């Protein structure tokens, strides 16, 4: 486990009506990463840990869309989240 100074977090947003691809809306390490995770937990936003993906995403600018080479991996994460959300709401 990384200590808080090494921990990194990235938050993505995808609104199909406004975005061509998911966008980085928050990123940080240490204290900021902890705050991102705490806000996600507070608002019941699923957290997916993927150190390799986070490393790549932290290099993007805020509000930048993810590049096409990440569409596949991010689509898998979004599908997982949508399934969790549907199951949580009791819609089968």
N, C-alpha and C. Protein backbone atom coordinates (compact mmCIF):
# COMPACT_ATOMS: atom_id res chain seq x y z
N UNK A 1 0.85 -1.18 0.00
CA UNK A 1 0.00 0.00 0.00
C UNK A 1 0.89 1.23 0.00
N UNK A 2 0.52 2.20 -0.80
CA UNK A 2 1.26 3.45 -0.85
C UNK A 2 0.87 4.32 0.33
N UNK A 3 1.81 5.12 0.82
CA UNK A 3 1.40 6.09 1.83
C UNK A 3 0.66 7.22 1.12
N UNK A 4 0.01 8.09 1.89
CA UNK A 4 -0.84 9.13 1.30
C UNK A 4 -0.07 10.07 0.38
N UNK A 5 1.22 10.24 0.57
CA UNK A 5 1.98 11.14 -0.30
C UNK A 5 2.17 10.54 -1.68
N UNK A 6 2.11 9.22 -1.79
CA UNK A 6 2.30 8.57 -3.09
C UNK A 6 0.98 8.19 -3.75
N UNK A 7 -0.08 8.12 -2.99
CA UNK A 7 -1.38 7.74 -3.52
C UNK A 7 -1.86 8.76 -4.54
N UNK A 8 -2.42 8.28 -5.65
CA UNK A 8 -2.95 9.15 -6.69
C UNK A 8 -4.39 8.76 -6.96
N UNK A 9 -5.17 9.74 -7.39
CA UNK A 9 -6.57 9.48 -7.74
C UNK A 9 -6.96 10.39 -8.90
N UNK A 10 -7.87 9.87 -9.71
CA UNK A 10 -8.41 10.62 -10.85
C UNK A 10 -9.91 10.39 -10.87
N UNK A 11 -10.66 11.45 -11.14
CA UNK A 11 -12.11 11.33 -11.30
C UNK A 11 -12.45 11.62 -12.75
N UNK A 12 -13.30 10.77 -13.31
CA UNK A 12 -13.75 10.95 -14.69
C UNK A 12 -15.24 11.28 -14.70
N UNK A 13 -15.63 12.01 -15.72
CA UNK A 13 -17.05 12.30 -15.95
C UNK A 13 -17.33 11.97 -17.40
N UNK A 14 -18.50 11.35 -17.62
CA UNK A 14 -18.93 11.11 -18.98
C UNK A 14 -20.41 11.43 -19.09
N UNK A 15 -20.71 12.44 -19.88
CA UNK A 15 -22.08 12.83 -20.16
C UNK A 15 -22.25 12.75 -21.68
N UNK A 16 -22.85 11.65 -22.16
CA UNK A 16 -22.94 11.43 -23.61
C UNK A 16 -23.54 12.61 -24.38
N UNK A 17 -24.46 13.32 -23.75
CA UNK A 17 -25.08 14.45 -24.45
C UNK A 17 -24.13 15.64 -24.60
N UNK A 18 -23.07 15.70 -23.79
CA UNK A 18 -22.13 16.83 -23.84
C UNK A 18 -20.70 16.46 -24.22
N UNK A 19 -20.32 15.22 -23.97
CA UNK A 19 -18.93 14.81 -24.14
C UNK A 19 -18.80 13.77 -25.25
N UNK A 20 -17.72 13.87 -26.01
CA UNK A 20 -17.40 12.83 -27.00
C UNK A 20 -16.76 11.62 -26.33
N UNK A 21 -16.12 11.85 -25.20
CA UNK A 21 -15.44 10.79 -24.45
C UNK A 21 -15.39 11.22 -22.99
N UNK A 22 -15.12 10.28 -22.08
CA UNK A 22 -14.97 10.67 -20.67
C UNK A 22 -13.88 11.73 -20.51
N UNK A 23 -14.07 12.59 -19.54
CA UNK A 23 -13.12 13.68 -19.25
C UNK A 23 -12.57 13.54 -17.84
N UNK A 24 -11.34 13.99 -17.66
CA UNK A 24 -10.72 14.07 -16.34
C UNK A 24 -11.29 15.33 -15.67
N UNK A 25 -11.99 15.15 -14.55
CA UNK A 25 -12.56 16.32 -13.87
C UNK A 25 -11.88 16.62 -12.54
N UNK A 26 -11.06 15.70 -12.06
CA UNK A 26 -10.29 15.94 -10.85
C UNK A 26 -9.12 14.96 -10.85
N UNK A 27 -8.00 15.43 -10.30
CA UNK A 27 -6.84 14.55 -10.17
C UNK A 27 -5.94 15.10 -9.09
N UNK A 28 -5.20 14.22 -8.47
CA UNK A 28 -4.28 14.67 -7.45
C UNK A 28 -3.59 13.51 -6.77
N UNK A 29 -2.68 13.85 -5.87
CA UNK A 29 -1.98 12.82 -5.10
C UNK A 29 -1.95 13.25 -3.65
N UNK A 30 -1.64 12.31 -2.79
CA UNK A 30 -1.57 12.60 -1.37
C UNK A 30 -2.92 13.04 -0.82
N UNK A 31 -2.93 14.20 -0.19
CA UNK A 31 -4.13 14.72 0.44
C UNK A 31 -5.26 14.91 -0.57
N UNK A 32 -4.96 15.42 -1.74
CA UNK A 32 -5.98 15.64 -2.77
C UNK A 32 -6.59 14.31 -3.21
N UNK A 33 -5.77 13.29 -3.39
CA UNK A 33 -6.27 11.97 -3.76
C UNK A 33 -7.22 11.44 -2.69
N UNK A 34 -6.84 11.64 -1.45
CA UNK A 34 -7.70 11.20 -0.35
C UNK A 34 -9.04 11.93 -0.38
N UNK A 35 -9.02 13.23 -0.67
CA UNK A 35 -10.25 14.01 -0.75
C UNK A 35 -11.13 13.54 -1.91
N UNK A 36 -10.53 13.23 -3.04
CA UNK A 36 -11.29 12.71 -4.18
C UNK A 36 -11.99 11.41 -3.80
N UNK A 37 -11.27 10.52 -3.14
CA UNK A 37 -11.85 9.24 -2.73
C UNK A 37 -12.95 9.44 -1.69
N UNK A 38 -12.75 10.34 -0.74
CA UNK A 38 -13.76 10.59 0.29
C UNK A 38 -15.04 11.17 -0.32
N UNK A 39 -14.89 12.08 -1.28
CA UNK A 39 -16.07 12.63 -1.95
C UNK A 39 -16.81 11.55 -2.74
N UNK A 40 -16.04 10.69 -3.41
CA UNK A 40 -16.67 9.58 -4.15
C UNK A 40 -17.47 8.70 -3.20
N UNK A 41 -16.89 8.36 -2.07
CA UNK A 41 -17.59 7.53 -1.10
C UNK A 41 -18.83 8.25 -0.56
N UNK A 42 -18.70 9.54 -0.26
CA UNK A 42 -19.81 10.32 0.28
C UNK A 42 -21.00 10.34 -0.68
N UNK A 43 -20.73 10.40 -1.98
CA UNK A 43 -21.78 10.46 -2.98
C UNK A 43 -22.06 9.11 -3.64
N UNK A 44 -21.56 8.03 -3.01
CA UNK A 44 -21.79 6.67 -3.51
C UNK A 44 -21.34 6.49 -4.96
N UNK A 45 -20.23 7.10 -5.28
CA UNK A 45 -19.64 6.93 -6.61
C UNK A 45 -18.64 5.78 -6.52
N UNK A 46 -18.81 4.76 -7.35
CA UNK A 46 -17.90 3.61 -7.27
C UNK A 46 -16.45 4.01 -7.53
N UNK A 47 -15.57 3.33 -6.85
CA UNK A 47 -14.13 3.56 -6.99
C UNK A 47 -13.52 2.30 -7.59
N UNK A 48 -12.75 2.49 -8.63
CA UNK A 48 -12.04 1.38 -9.27
C UNK A 48 -10.55 1.67 -9.15
N UNK A 49 -9.82 0.78 -8.51
CA UNK A 49 -8.38 0.97 -8.37
C UNK A 49 -7.66 0.31 -9.53
N UNK A 50 -6.89 1.12 -10.24
CA UNK A 50 -6.08 0.64 -11.35
C UNK A 50 -4.88 1.58 -11.45
N UNK A 51 -3.80 1.21 -10.79
CA UNK A 51 -2.62 2.08 -10.70
C UNK A 51 -2.06 2.48 -12.05
N UNK A 52 -2.04 1.55 -12.98
CA UNK A 52 -1.50 1.83 -14.31
C UNK A 52 -2.36 2.88 -15.04
N UNK A 53 -3.67 2.71 -14.96
CA UNK A 53 -4.58 3.67 -15.59
C UNK A 53 -4.47 5.03 -14.94
N UNK A 54 -4.40 5.08 -13.61
CA UNK A 54 -4.26 6.35 -12.90
C UNK A 54 -2.98 7.06 -13.31
N UNK A 55 -1.91 6.32 -13.45
CA UNK A 55 -0.64 6.93 -13.88
C UNK A 55 -0.80 7.63 -15.22
N UNK A 56 -1.48 6.98 -16.13
CA UNK A 56 -1.68 7.57 -17.45
C UNK A 56 -2.62 8.77 -17.38
N UNK A 57 -3.72 8.63 -16.65
CA UNK A 57 -4.73 9.69 -16.58
C UNK A 57 -4.22 10.94 -15.86
N UNK A 58 -3.32 10.78 -14.90
CA UNK A 58 -2.81 11.97 -14.20
C UNK A 58 -1.96 12.85 -15.11
N UNK A 59 -1.52 12.31 -16.22
CA UNK A 59 -0.73 13.11 -17.17
C UNK A 59 -1.61 13.99 -18.06
N UNK A 60 -2.92 13.71 -18.07
CA UNK A 60 -3.84 14.52 -18.87
C UNK A 60 -4.18 15.81 -18.13
N UNK A 61 -4.55 16.82 -18.88
CA UNK A 61 -4.99 18.08 -18.28
C UNK A 61 -6.41 17.94 -17.75
N UNK A 62 -6.76 18.78 -16.78
CA UNK A 62 -8.12 18.80 -16.29
C UNK A 62 -9.07 19.12 -17.43
N UNK A 63 -10.19 18.44 -17.46
CA UNK A 63 -11.25 18.57 -18.46
C UNK A 63 -10.87 18.07 -19.84
N UNK A 64 -9.69 17.48 -19.96
CA UNK A 64 -9.28 16.87 -21.22
C UNK A 64 -9.99 15.53 -21.38
N UNK A 65 -10.44 15.26 -22.60
CA UNK A 65 -11.04 13.96 -22.88
C UNK A 65 -9.94 12.90 -22.90
N UNK A 66 -10.32 11.69 -22.50
CA UNK A 66 -9.34 10.61 -22.56
C UNK A 66 -9.03 10.31 -24.03
N UNK A 67 -7.83 9.85 -24.31
CA UNK A 67 -7.45 9.54 -25.70
C UNK A 67 -8.10 8.23 -26.15
N UNK A 68 -8.27 8.08 -27.46
CA UNK A 68 -8.92 6.88 -28.01
C UNK A 68 -8.31 5.55 -27.54
N UNK A 69 -7.00 5.52 -27.31
CA UNK A 69 -6.38 4.25 -26.89
C UNK A 69 -6.86 3.78 -25.52
N UNK A 70 -7.52 4.66 -24.76
CA UNK A 70 -8.05 4.26 -23.44
C UNK A 70 -9.54 3.97 -23.47
N UNK A 71 -10.20 4.14 -24.61
CA UNK A 71 -11.65 3.93 -24.69
C UNK A 71 -12.04 2.54 -24.19
N UNK A 72 -11.32 1.53 -24.62
CA UNK A 72 -11.68 0.15 -24.25
C UNK A 72 -11.65 -0.09 -22.76
N UNK A 73 -10.56 0.27 -22.12
CA UNK A 73 -10.44 0.01 -20.68
C UNK A 73 -11.43 0.87 -19.88
N UNK A 74 -11.63 2.11 -20.28
CA UNK A 74 -12.57 2.97 -19.57
C UNK A 74 -14.00 2.50 -19.83
N UNK A 75 -14.30 2.02 -21.03
CA UNK A 75 -15.63 1.49 -21.33
C UNK A 75 -15.94 0.28 -20.44
N UNK A 76 -14.96 -0.57 -20.20
CA UNK A 76 -15.16 -1.71 -19.30
C UNK A 76 -15.48 -1.24 -17.88
N UNK A 77 -14.78 -0.22 -17.42
CA UNK A 77 -15.03 0.32 -16.08
C UNK A 77 -16.43 0.94 -16.01
N UNK A 78 -16.80 1.73 -17.03
CA UNK A 78 -18.13 2.34 -17.04
C UNK A 78 -19.23 1.29 -17.09
N UNK A 79 -19.04 0.23 -17.89
CA UNK A 79 -20.03 -0.84 -17.95
C UNK A 79 -20.18 -1.51 -16.58
N UNK A 80 -19.08 -1.74 -15.90
CA UNK A 80 -19.11 -2.32 -14.56
C UNK A 80 -19.88 -1.42 -13.61
N UNK A 81 -19.62 -0.10 -13.67
CA UNK A 81 -20.30 0.85 -12.80
C UNK A 81 -21.79 0.91 -13.11
N UNK A 82 -22.16 0.95 -14.39
CA UNK A 82 -23.57 0.99 -14.75
C UNK A 82 -24.29 -0.26 -14.28
N UNK A 83 -23.63 -1.41 -14.36
CA UNK A 83 -24.22 -2.66 -13.89
C UNK A 83 -24.41 -2.62 -12.39
N UNK A 84 -23.40 -2.14 -11.67
CA UNK A 84 -23.52 -2.02 -10.21
C UNK A 84 -24.66 -1.08 -9.85
N UNK A 85 -24.76 0.03 -10.54
CA UNK A 85 -25.80 1.01 -10.27
C UNK A 85 -27.18 0.42 -10.53
N UNK A 86 -27.32 -0.28 -11.63
CA UNK A 86 -28.60 -0.92 -11.96
C UNK A 86 -28.98 -1.94 -10.91
N UNK A 87 -28.01 -2.77 -10.51
CA UNK A 87 -28.28 -3.79 -9.49
C UNK A 87 -28.61 -3.15 -8.15
N UNK A 88 -27.93 -2.08 -7.83
CA UNK A 88 -28.18 -1.36 -6.57
C UNK A 88 -29.61 -0.82 -6.54
N UNK A 89 -30.11 -0.36 -7.68
CA UNK A 89 -31.45 0.18 -7.77
C UNK A 89 -32.51 -0.90 -7.91
N UNK A 90 -32.07 -2.15 -8.00
CA UNK A 90 -33.01 -3.27 -8.07
C UNK A 90 -33.61 -3.49 -9.44
N UNK A 91 -32.98 -2.98 -10.48
CA UNK A 91 -33.47 -3.17 -11.85
C UNK A 91 -32.69 -4.32 -12.48
N UNK A 92 -33.38 -5.40 -12.74
CA UNK A 92 -32.69 -6.54 -13.33
C UNK A 92 -33.09 -6.69 -14.73
